[in-house]
N, C-alpha and C. Protein backbone atom coordinates (compact mmCIF):
# COMPACT_ATOMS: atom_id res chain seq x y z
N MET A 1 94.71 78.77 92.93
CA MET A 1 96.21 79.40 92.59
C MET A 1 96.39 79.97 91.48
N ASP A 2 96.32 80.89 91.10
CA ASP A 2 96.66 81.79 89.98
C ASP A 2 97.86 81.32 89.20
N ILE A 3 97.48 81.23 87.97
CA ILE A 3 98.64 80.84 87.31
C ILE A 3 99.98 81.71 86.97
N ASN A 4 99.28 82.71 86.61
CA ASN A 4 100.50 83.97 86.65
C ASN A 4 101.04 83.83 87.36
N LYS A 5 100.73 84.10 89.07
CA LYS A 5 101.44 84.60 90.13
C LYS A 5 102.18 83.03 90.42
N LEU A 6 101.98 81.88 90.24
CA LEU A 6 102.79 80.74 90.38
C LEU A 6 103.68 80.87 89.52
N THR A 7 103.65 80.66 88.62
CA THR A 7 104.68 81.08 87.57
C THR A 7 105.91 82.15 87.39
N HIS A 8 105.30 83.27 87.87
CA HIS A 8 105.93 84.39 88.08
C HIS A 8 106.88 84.33 89.11
N ASN A 9 106.06 83.94 90.63
CA ASN A 9 106.34 84.21 91.98
C ASN A 9 107.21 83.01 92.32
N LYS A 10 106.53 81.81 91.87
CA LYS A 10 107.12 80.66 92.88
C LYS A 10 108.48 80.07 91.94
N LEU A 11 108.31 80.58 90.34
CA LEU A 11 109.33 79.53 89.30
C LEU A 11 109.98 80.29 88.54
N GLY A 12 109.72 81.63 88.58
CA GLY A 12 110.22 82.68 88.00
C GLY A 12 111.96 82.77 88.62
N PRO A 13 112.21 82.54 89.80
CA PRO A 13 113.35 82.32 90.47
C PRO A 13 114.44 81.64 89.96
N PHE A 14 114.15 80.13 89.43
CA PHE A 14 114.48 79.06 89.18
C PHE A 14 114.46 78.98 87.77
N GLN A 15 114.32 79.58 86.60
CA GLN A 15 114.32 79.97 85.47
C GLN A 15 115.57 79.80 84.97
N GLU A 16 116.95 80.59 85.25
CA GLU A 16 118.13 80.54 84.89
C GLU A 16 118.75 79.42 85.59
N ILE A 17 118.40 78.75 86.92
CA ILE A 17 118.82 77.66 87.03
C ILE A 17 118.72 76.38 86.37
N ALA A 18 117.00 76.72 85.77
CA ALA A 18 116.81 75.56 85.11
C ALA A 18 117.28 75.45 83.59
N LYS A 19 117.36 76.49 83.21
CA LYS A 19 118.55 76.72 81.93
C LYS A 19 119.48 76.28 81.84
N GLU A 20 120.43 76.31 83.09
CA GLU A 20 121.87 75.69 83.33
C GLU A 20 121.71 74.34 82.96
N TYR A 21 120.99 73.40 84.00
CA TYR A 21 120.54 72.31 83.50
C TYR A 21 120.45 71.87 82.45
N MET A 22 119.76 72.50 81.78
CA MET A 22 119.17 72.19 80.32
C MET A 22 120.70 72.25 79.02
N ASN A 23 121.66 73.10 79.72
CA ASN A 23 122.75 73.19 78.67
C ASN A 23 123.82 72.19 79.32
N ASP A 24 123.54 71.60 80.47
CA ASP A 24 124.54 70.80 80.91
C ASP A 24 124.03 69.18 81.35
N LYS A 25 124.11 68.44 80.66
CA LYS A 25 123.54 67.21 80.95
C LYS A 25 124.35 65.89 82.06
N LYS A 26 125.33 66.65 82.11
CA LYS A 26 126.55 66.02 83.05
C LYS A 26 125.53 66.40 84.60
N LYS A 27 125.23 67.76 84.74
CA LYS A 27 124.75 68.33 85.98
C LYS A 27 123.59 68.09 85.87
N SER A 28 122.86 67.43 84.96
CA SER A 28 121.31 67.37 84.91
C SER A 28 121.24 65.82 85.62
N ILE A 29 122.00 65.42 85.07
CA ILE A 29 122.12 63.46 86.13
C ILE A 29 122.37 63.78 87.39
N GLY A 30 123.12 64.66 87.92
CA GLY A 30 123.02 65.15 89.32
C GLY A 30 121.49 65.77 90.10
N LEU A 31 121.08 66.23 89.16
CA LEU A 31 119.59 66.77 89.47
C LEU A 31 118.65 65.96 89.89
N LEU A 32 118.67 64.96 88.67
CA LEU A 32 117.58 63.96 88.37
C LEU A 32 117.91 62.97 89.75
N ASN A 33 119.36 62.76 90.13
CA ASN A 33 119.49 61.83 91.02
C ASN A 33 119.01 62.35 92.47
N GLU A 34 119.44 63.52 92.37
CA GLU A 34 118.77 64.24 93.76
C GLU A 34 117.35 64.45 93.92
N ALA A 35 117.03 64.85 92.85
CA ALA A 35 115.04 64.55 92.78
C ALA A 35 114.84 63.31 93.05
N LEU A 36 115.16 61.77 92.45
CA LEU A 36 114.68 60.71 92.94
C LEU A 36 114.97 60.22 94.66
N ARG A 37 116.41 61.01 94.84
CA ARG A 37 116.56 60.29 96.23
C ARG A 37 115.39 61.01 97.56
N LYS A 38 114.97 62.29 96.85
CA LYS A 38 114.15 63.35 97.41
C LYS A 38 112.45 62.35 97.51
N ALA A 39 112.63 62.32 96.50
CA ALA A 39 111.15 61.91 95.89
C ALA A 39 111.10 60.40 97.04
N ASN A 40 111.94 59.50 96.81
CA ASN A 40 112.06 58.36 97.73
C ASN A 40 111.95 58.16 99.15
N THR A 41 112.74 59.25 99.41
CA THR A 41 112.16 59.62 101.05
C THR A 41 111.07 59.92 101.44
N LYS A 42 110.51 60.93 100.61
CA LYS A 42 109.00 61.36 100.70
C LYS A 42 108.18 60.37 100.10
N ARG A 43 108.27 59.33 99.42
CA ARG A 43 107.30 58.78 99.02
C ARG A 43 105.70 58.62 99.42
N GLY A 44 105.90 57.81 100.83
CA GLY A 44 104.90 57.97 101.33
C GLY A 44 104.05 59.41 101.68
N ALA A 45 104.52 60.41 102.01
CA ALA A 45 103.98 61.80 102.04
C ALA A 45 103.66 62.29 100.80
N LEU A 46 103.93 62.03 99.48
CA LEU A 46 103.74 62.44 98.38
C LEU A 46 102.52 61.87 97.63
N GLY A 47 102.09 60.67 98.12
CA GLY A 47 100.84 60.41 97.80
C GLY A 47 100.25 60.34 96.62
N GLU A 48 99.61 60.83 95.68
CA GLU A 48 99.08 60.73 94.18
C GLU A 48 100.23 61.25 93.30
N ALA A 49 100.96 62.50 94.05
CA ALA A 49 101.76 63.39 93.30
C ALA A 49 103.38 62.61 92.49
N TRP A 50 103.32 61.31 93.65
CA TRP A 50 104.71 60.50 93.50
C TRP A 50 104.36 59.89 92.07
N GLU A 51 103.60 59.80 91.60
CA GLU A 51 103.01 59.15 89.99
C GLU A 51 103.32 60.28 88.91
N LYS A 52 102.80 61.50 89.61
CA LYS A 52 103.43 62.90 88.66
C LYS A 52 104.86 63.19 88.45
N PHE A 53 105.51 62.82 89.91
CA PHE A 53 106.89 63.16 89.57
C PHE A 53 107.73 62.24 89.20
N GLN A 54 107.08 61.09 88.91
CA GLN A 54 107.89 59.72 88.48
C GLN A 54 107.46 60.09 86.45
N LEU A 55 106.32 60.60 86.45
CA LEU A 55 106.60 61.06 84.66
C LEU A 55 107.53 61.66 84.50
N LEU A 56 107.40 62.98 85.36
CA LEU A 56 108.48 64.45 84.93
C LEU A 56 109.53 63.56 84.96
N PHE A 57 110.38 62.90 86.24
CA PHE A 57 111.71 62.52 86.49
C PHE A 57 111.64 61.22 84.99
N GLY A 58 111.07 60.75 84.88
CA GLY A 58 111.34 59.64 83.43
C GLY A 58 111.77 60.41 82.32
N VAL A 59 110.82 61.59 81.96
CA VAL A 59 110.86 62.22 80.37
C VAL A 59 112.32 63.13 80.69
N PHE A 60 112.14 63.60 81.58
CA PHE A 60 113.94 64.01 81.98
C PHE A 60 114.94 63.06 81.75
N LYS A 61 115.04 62.30 82.49
CA LYS A 61 115.60 60.83 82.25
C LYS A 61 115.94 60.45 80.47
N ASP A 62 115.13 60.20 79.76
CA ASP A 62 115.06 59.70 78.72
C ASP A 62 115.53 60.98 77.45
N TRP A 63 115.49 62.33 78.01
CA TRP A 63 116.15 63.35 77.56
C TRP A 63 117.79 63.26 77.98
N ILE A 64 117.89 63.39 78.81
CA ILE A 64 119.35 63.52 79.35
C ILE A 64 119.79 62.28 78.59
N ASN A 65 119.76 60.98 78.34
CA ASN A 65 120.05 59.68 77.51
C ASN A 65 120.05 60.02 76.63
N GLY A 66 119.43 60.75 75.89
CA GLY A 66 119.21 61.07 74.51
C GLY A 66 118.42 59.91 73.83
N ASN A 67 117.48 59.55 74.63
CA ASN A 67 116.35 58.57 73.88
C ASN A 67 115.39 58.98 73.84
N TYR A 68 114.90 60.49 74.23
CA TYR A 68 113.66 61.03 73.61
C TYR A 68 113.84 62.36 73.52
N LYS A 69 113.67 62.87 71.95
CA LYS A 69 114.23 64.18 71.51
C LYS A 69 113.21 64.83 71.47
N GLU A 70 111.72 64.12 71.50
CA GLU A 70 110.78 65.18 70.60
C GLU A 70 109.67 66.01 71.80
N MET A 71 110.31 66.40 73.01
CA MET A 71 110.08 67.02 73.91
C MET A 71 110.23 68.82 73.76
N PRO A 72 109.29 69.23 73.05
CA PRO A 72 109.27 70.75 72.67
C PRO A 72 110.67 71.75 73.86
N THR A 73 111.35 72.73 73.54
CA THR A 73 112.53 73.14 74.79
C THR A 73 111.51 73.70 75.88
N ARG A 74 110.22 74.49 75.51
CA ARG A 74 109.62 75.30 76.38
C ARG A 74 109.02 74.05 77.38
N SER A 75 108.53 72.86 76.86
CA SER A 75 108.08 71.82 77.65
C SER A 75 109.13 71.47 78.69
N LEU A 76 110.11 71.26 78.10
CA LEU A 76 111.26 70.73 78.98
C LEU A 76 111.81 71.83 79.86
N LEU A 77 111.81 73.21 79.39
CA LEU A 77 112.07 73.96 80.42
C LEU A 77 111.15 73.82 81.67
N MET A 78 109.96 73.68 81.74
CA MET A 78 108.70 73.50 82.00
C MET A 78 109.49 72.29 83.34
N ILE A 79 109.71 71.33 82.76
CA ILE A 79 109.82 70.29 83.75
C ILE A 79 111.01 70.19 84.48
N VAL A 80 111.98 70.91 84.07
CA VAL A 80 113.48 70.88 84.69
C VAL A 80 113.21 71.97 85.28
N LEU A 81 112.01 73.41 85.51
CA LEU A 81 111.72 74.04 86.36
C LEU A 81 111.22 73.57 87.53
N GLY A 82 110.00 72.33 87.40
CA GLY A 82 109.55 71.90 88.54
C GLY A 82 110.62 71.11 89.30
N ILE A 83 111.44 70.50 88.60
CA ILE A 83 112.01 69.50 89.35
C ILE A 83 113.05 70.18 90.11
N VAL A 84 113.98 71.34 89.25
CA VAL A 84 114.58 72.23 90.34
C VAL A 84 114.04 73.00 91.48
N TYR A 85 112.50 73.11 91.25
CA TYR A 85 111.66 73.62 92.42
C TYR A 85 111.22 72.43 93.96
N PHE A 86 110.95 71.40 93.19
CA PHE A 86 111.35 70.26 93.96
C PHE A 86 112.30 70.20 94.73
N VAL A 87 113.23 70.36 94.21
CA VAL A 87 114.83 69.40 95.16
C VAL A 87 115.11 70.89 95.73
N SER A 88 115.14 71.80 95.64
CA SER A 88 115.33 73.35 96.18
C SER A 88 115.09 73.68 97.86
N PRO A 89 115.68 73.58 98.49
CA PRO A 89 115.48 73.85 99.86
C PRO A 89 114.68 75.22 100.18
N ILE A 90 115.07 76.00 99.31
CA ILE A 90 114.30 77.14 99.78
C ILE A 90 113.14 77.21 98.59
N ASP A 91 111.92 76.63 98.59
CA ASP A 91 110.91 77.02 97.50
C ASP A 91 109.69 77.82 98.25
N GLY A 92 108.88 77.76 97.88
CA GLY A 92 107.56 78.79 98.67
C GLY A 92 107.14 78.28 99.97
N VAL A 93 107.32 77.42 100.21
CA VAL A 93 106.98 76.82 101.67
C VAL A 93 108.33 75.57 102.01
N PHE A 94 108.45 75.59 102.76
CA PHE A 94 109.83 75.24 103.30
C PHE A 94 109.43 73.85 103.59
N ASP A 95 110.06 72.60 102.86
CA ASP A 95 109.88 71.31 103.25
C ASP A 95 109.84 70.66 104.94
N TYR A 96 110.69 71.46 105.56
CA TYR A 96 110.65 70.71 107.03
C TYR A 96 109.53 71.23 107.57
N ILE A 97 108.54 72.03 107.39
CA ILE A 97 106.92 71.97 107.58
C ILE A 97 106.54 71.01 107.11
N PRO A 98 105.77 69.81 108.52
CA PRO A 98 105.57 68.62 108.04
C PRO A 98 104.10 68.70 107.21
N PHE A 99 104.34 68.22 106.06
CA PHE A 99 103.40 67.99 104.76
C PHE A 99 103.55 68.87 103.91
N ALA A 100 103.51 70.15 104.58
CA ALA A 100 103.22 71.61 103.84
C ALA A 100 104.07 71.56 102.56
N GLY A 101 105.37 71.66 102.87
CA GLY A 101 106.32 71.41 101.72
C GLY A 101 105.87 70.71 100.38
N LEU A 102 105.53 69.75 101.16
CA LEU A 102 105.50 68.24 100.13
C LEU A 102 104.11 68.97 99.11
N VAL A 103 103.21 69.27 99.97
CA VAL A 103 101.70 69.72 99.47
C VAL A 103 102.04 71.17 98.26
N ASP A 104 102.89 71.93 98.72
CA ASP A 104 103.55 72.69 97.86
C ASP A 104 104.35 72.59 96.46
N ASP A 105 104.87 71.62 96.48
CA ASP A 105 105.66 70.88 95.91
C ASP A 105 104.80 69.96 94.63
N ALA A 106 103.95 69.23 95.44
CA ALA A 106 102.65 68.49 94.44
C ALA A 106 102.15 69.77 93.46
N ALA A 107 101.57 70.91 94.19
CA ALA A 107 100.75 71.69 93.28
C ALA A 107 101.72 71.94 92.45
N VAL A 108 103.05 72.36 92.28
CA VAL A 108 103.91 72.65 91.17
C VAL A 108 104.23 71.81 90.31
N ALA A 109 104.01 69.98 90.78
CA ALA A 109 104.20 69.48 89.94
C ALA A 109 102.91 69.05 88.87
N GLY A 110 101.71 69.42 89.55
CA GLY A 110 100.37 69.68 88.88
C GLY A 110 100.64 70.70 88.05
N PHE A 111 100.90 71.71 88.09
CA PHE A 111 100.98 72.80 87.46
C PHE A 111 101.61 72.66 86.04
N VAL A 112 102.75 71.92 86.43
CA VAL A 112 104.03 71.52 85.24
C VAL A 112 103.20 71.01 84.25
N ILE A 113 102.69 69.67 84.98
CA ILE A 113 101.99 68.36 84.26
C ILE A 113 100.80 69.00 83.63
N SER A 114 99.97 70.05 84.15
CA SER A 114 98.86 70.97 83.11
C SER A 114 99.38 71.57 82.32
N GLN A 115 100.41 72.22 82.03
CA GLN A 115 100.99 73.06 80.97
C GLN A 115 101.65 72.34 79.89
N ILE A 116 101.92 71.19 80.34
CA ILE A 116 102.70 70.41 79.15
C ILE A 116 101.57 68.93 78.78
N SER A 117 100.42 68.71 79.08
CA SER A 117 99.83 67.71 79.42
C SER A 117 100.06 66.98 77.72
N ALA A 118 99.63 67.79 76.64
CA ALA A 118 99.91 67.51 75.14
C ALA A 118 101.29 66.79 74.99
N ASP A 119 102.13 67.18 75.79
CA ASP A 119 103.29 66.54 75.07
C ASP A 119 103.92 65.40 76.03
N LEU A 120 103.59 65.40 77.32
CA LEU A 120 103.45 64.08 78.10
C LEU A 120 102.64 62.91 77.56
N GLU A 121 101.31 63.42 77.09
CA GLU A 121 100.75 62.39 76.49
C GLU A 121 101.57 61.75 75.30
N ARG A 122 102.10 62.64 74.24
CA ARG A 122 102.76 61.88 73.01
C ARG A 122 104.24 60.98 73.83
N TYR A 123 104.68 61.78 74.46
CA TYR A 123 105.91 60.78 75.99
C TYR A 123 105.56 59.54 76.16
N LYS A 124 104.18 59.54 76.93
CA LYS A 124 103.94 58.03 77.49
C LYS A 124 103.41 56.75 76.38
N LEU A 125 103.10 57.83 75.31
CA LEU A 125 102.54 56.59 74.05
C LEU A 125 103.99 56.30 73.35
N TRP A 126 105.26 57.00 73.05
CA TRP A 126 106.21 56.58 72.88
C TRP A 126 107.27 55.46 73.93
N LYS A 127 107.11 55.83 74.97
CA LYS A 127 107.55 55.07 75.87
C LYS A 127 106.86 53.59 76.11
N GLY A 128 105.77 53.74 75.74
CA GLY A 128 104.61 52.60 75.75
C GLY A 128 105.34 51.66 74.39
N GLN A 129 105.89 52.35 73.52
CA GLN A 129 105.77 51.58 72.02
C GLN A 129 107.48 51.44 72.57
N VAL A 130 108.23 51.85 73.12
CA VAL A 130 109.70 51.52 73.54
C VAL A 130 109.48 50.14 74.26
N GLU A 131 108.58 50.44 75.47
CA GLU A 131 108.65 49.08 76.36
C GLU A 131 108.25 48.05 75.37
N SER A 132 107.12 47.64 74.48
CA SER A 132 106.43 46.83 74.05
C SER A 132 107.31 46.35 72.83
N ALA A 133 108.16 47.05 72.41
CA ALA A 133 109.18 46.64 71.58
C ALA A 133 110.64 45.53 72.17
N SER A 134 110.72 46.22 73.58
CA SER A 134 111.80 45.66 74.37
C SER A 134 111.52 44.59 74.60
N ARG A 135 109.88 44.39 74.94
CA ARG A 135 109.46 43.31 75.53
C ARG A 135 109.55 41.99 74.13
N VAL A 136 109.28 42.33 73.08
CA VAL A 136 109.35 41.25 72.15
C VAL A 136 111.03 41.24 71.74
N ASN A 137 111.41 42.28 71.53
CA ASN A 137 112.91 42.13 71.23
C ASN A 137 113.72 42.62 72.28
N PRO A 138 114.06 41.66 73.47
CA PRO A 138 114.84 42.50 74.91
C PRO A 138 116.33 42.99 74.41
N ASP A 139 116.73 42.58 72.95
CA ASP A 139 118.23 43.08 72.78
C ASP A 139 118.37 44.10 72.05
N GLN A 140 116.82 44.82 71.70
CA GLN A 140 116.79 46.11 71.33
C GLN A 140 117.18 47.30 71.82
N LYS A 141 118.13 48.26 71.81
CA LYS A 141 118.52 49.27 72.54
C LYS A 141 117.62 50.31 72.22
N GLN A 142 117.07 51.11 73.45
CA GLN A 142 116.45 52.05 73.26
C GLN A 142 117.10 53.54 72.09
């Protein structure tokens, strides 16, 4: 899959929508809830992509809640773009075609993760530290 074609042809139309979500955290919560609902309903069919989506959802949730502020804007835009594409009923391959739509969604999630892998690694380290600290001191707020 040509990365430039994927970015321009598939994700391009969703860029303005993604920017709207980034500027409205209340609206972002709705997007996240919708994505979580879809992912939970399609969990078995998502296979390995399930973990990828959970990572993207986790970063997005921690950003919305103000817990994680270190994600660069470009990387956050990629995450939101991927989530918007995932929940969109009109993406490259329609989700009502058994498995084909989910394969398409999984490819986009993989693409997003590959583009921002260093930032996701920093997030995972931060998340691990926060979870460790909360196990040591359960009253500590994230």
